[in-house]
């Protein structure tokens, strides 16, 4: 039984890194002086020549080796091991459990609005009586 590993798909790695950088194919194409379709073809290719890989790596801000050895698992491990939040905002964003009834808040706001309108009417009536 053969345990040969499948070679890395360099084009797919380029696409993933480009996406993680928030870059569109058109932007990468412009940066390296080709058309968008060329980037699409590169990302569909399993291999790419070294010179072109170095140019793309420079534009993406990584090394050619990083593209060759890229894996989603490694990226997730780095994020999980390096992300810290010191303000508990992440914890609170994950599990939002209000300690009040939202409907009660709507009623409270409505009552305040009605009271403000009543006060406005009384004030206007007072102004009319003075004239």
Protein backbone atom coordinates (compact mmCIF):
# COMPACT_ATOMS: atom_id res chain seq x y z
CA UNK A 1 0.00 0.00 0.00
CA UNK A 2 1.42 3.39 -1.01
CA UNK A 3 1.41 6.28 1.40
CA UNK A 4 2.66 8.88 -1.07
CA UNK A 5 1.38 12.31 -0.18
CA UNK A 6 -0.37 14.42 -2.73
CA UNK A 7 1.69 17.49 -3.72
CA UNK A 8 0.47 20.87 -2.49
CA UNK A 9 -1.80 22.75 -4.87
CA UNK A 10 0.19 25.99 -5.14
CA UNK A 11 -2.53 27.85 -7.04
CA UNK A 12 -5.11 27.07 -4.36
CA UNK A 13 -2.66 28.25 -1.70
CA UNK A 14 -2.17 31.53 -3.57
CA UNK A 15 -5.95 31.97 -3.74
CA UNK A 16 -6.43 31.31 -0.02
CA UNK A 17 -3.66 33.69 1.02
CA UNK A 18 -5.00 36.34 -1.37
CA UNK A 19 -8.47 35.96 0.18
CA UNK A 20 -7.08 36.15 3.71
CA UNK A 21 -5.36 39.39 2.73
CA UNK A 22 -8.72 40.73 1.50
CA UNK A 23 -7.37 41.14 -2.01
CA UNK A 24 -9.34 40.57 -5.19
CA UNK A 25 -7.92 38.76 -8.20
CA UNK A 26 -8.03 42.02 -10.14
CA UNK A 27 -5.86 43.78 -7.56
CA UNK A 28 -3.28 41.01 -7.60
CA UNK A 29 -3.33 40.99 -11.40
CA UNK A 30 -2.74 44.74 -11.56
CA UNK A 31 0.10 44.50 -9.02
CA UNK A 32 1.99 41.89 -11.04
CA UNK A 33 1.09 43.31 -14.47
CA UNK A 34 -1.28 40.68 -15.85
CA UNK A 35 -5.01 40.40 -16.46
CA UNK A 36 -7.47 38.97 -13.94
CA UNK A 37 -7.98 35.83 -16.04
CA UNK A 38 -4.27 35.04 -15.64
CA UNK A 39 -4.66 35.07 -11.86
CA UNK A 40 -7.67 32.80 -12.18
CA UNK A 41 -5.57 30.40 -14.28
CA UNK A 42 -2.68 30.58 -11.80
CA UNK A 43 -5.00 29.78 -8.89
CA UNK A 44 -6.34 26.78 -10.83
CA UNK A 45 -2.82 25.43 -11.45
CA UNK A 46 -1.19 22.91 -9.16
CA UNK A 47 2.28 24.24 -9.97
CA UNK A 48 3.75 27.61 -10.87
CA UNK A 49 7.24 28.65 -11.98
CA UNK A 50 9.53 29.97 -9.26
CA UNK A 51 9.98 33.48 -10.65
CA UNK A 52 6.24 34.12 -10.90
CA UNK A 53 5.76 32.60 -7.43
CA UNK A 54 8.34 35.00 -5.96
CA UNK A 55 6.63 38.01 -7.55
CA UNK A 56 3.20 36.93 -6.29
CA UNK A 57 4.61 36.18 -2.84
CA UNK A 58 6.12 39.67 -2.64
CA UNK A 59 2.80 41.30 -3.56
CA UNK A 60 0.95 39.15 -1.01
CA UNK A 61 3.51 40.03 1.66
CA UNK A 62 4.63 36.46 2.33
CA UNK A 63 7.56 34.29 1.28
CA UNK A 64 7.42 31.81 -1.57
CA UNK A 65 7.99 29.08 1.02
CA UNK A 66 4.94 30.27 2.96
CA UNK A 67 2.82 29.82 -0.16
CA UNK A 68 4.27 26.36 -0.81
CA UNK A 69 3.71 25.22 2.78
CA UNK A 70 0.39 26.99 3.41
CA UNK A 71 -2.36 25.06 5.19
CA UNK A 72 -5.67 26.20 6.64
CA UNK A 73 -5.01 24.16 9.78
CA UNK A 74 -1.76 26.02 10.48
CA UNK A 75 -3.46 29.39 10.04
CA UNK A 76 -6.26 28.41 12.43
CA UNK A 77 -3.74 27.15 14.97
CA UNK A 78 -1.82 30.44 14.83
CA UNK A 79 -5.04 32.43 15.28
CA UNK A 80 -6.21 30.25 18.16
CA UNK A 81 -2.85 30.40 19.90
CA UNK A 82 -2.23 34.12 19.50
CA UNK A 83 -5.64 35.78 19.80
CA UNK A 84 -6.34 37.34 23.15
CA UNK A 85 -8.98 39.76 24.25
CA UNK A 86 -8.45 41.75 27.40
CA UNK A 87 -11.85 43.40 27.57
CA UNK A 88 -14.22 40.42 27.60
CA UNK A 89 -15.99 41.86 24.55
CA UNK A 90 -15.41 38.64 22.65
CA UNK A 91 -16.87 36.59 25.44
CA UNK A 92 -19.93 38.80 25.65
CA UNK A 93 -20.41 38.78 21.88
CA UNK A 94 -20.56 35.00 21.80
CA UNK A 95 -23.35 34.53 24.30
CA UNK A 96 -25.69 37.47 24.60
CA UNK A 97 -28.16 36.96 27.42
CA UNK A 98 -29.90 40.21 28.37
CA UNK A 99 -30.90 40.40 32.03
CA UNK A 100 -34.03 42.41 31.21
CA UNK A 101 -37.15 41.87 29.19
CA UNK A 102 -36.80 43.82 25.93
CA UNK A 103 -40.56 44.32 25.81
CA UNK A 104 -40.45 46.08 29.18
CA UNK A 105 -37.85 48.46 27.75
CA UNK A 106 -40.10 49.24 24.76
CA UNK A 107 -43.02 50.01 27.09
CA UNK A 108 -40.78 52.19 29.27
CA UNK A 109 -39.59 54.17 26.24
CA UNK A 110 -43.18 54.56 25.00
CA UNK A 111 -44.31 55.87 28.39
CA UNK A 112 -41.44 58.39 28.43
CA UNK A 113 -42.37 59.53 24.93
CA UNK A 114 -46.02 60.00 25.91
CA UNK A 115 -44.99 61.95 29.02
CA UNK A 116 -42.71 64.20 26.97
CA UNK A 117 -45.57 64.91 24.53
CA UNK A 118 -47.91 65.76 27.42
CA UNK A 119 -45.37 68.19 28.85
CA UNK A 120 -44.95 69.79 25.43
CA UNK A 121 -48.73 70.25 25.05
CA UNK A 122 -48.99 71.78 28.54
CA UNK A 123 -46.16 74.18 27.75
CA UNK A 124 -47.76 75.23 24.45
CA UNK A 125 -51.17 75.74 26.14
CA UNK A 126 -49.50 77.91 28.79
CA UNK A 127 -47.89 80.04 26.06
CA UNK A 128 -51.24 80.48 24.29
CA UNK A 129 -52.98 81.59 27.51
CA UNK A 130 -50.33 84.25 28.15
CA UNK A 131 -51.02 85.88 24.77
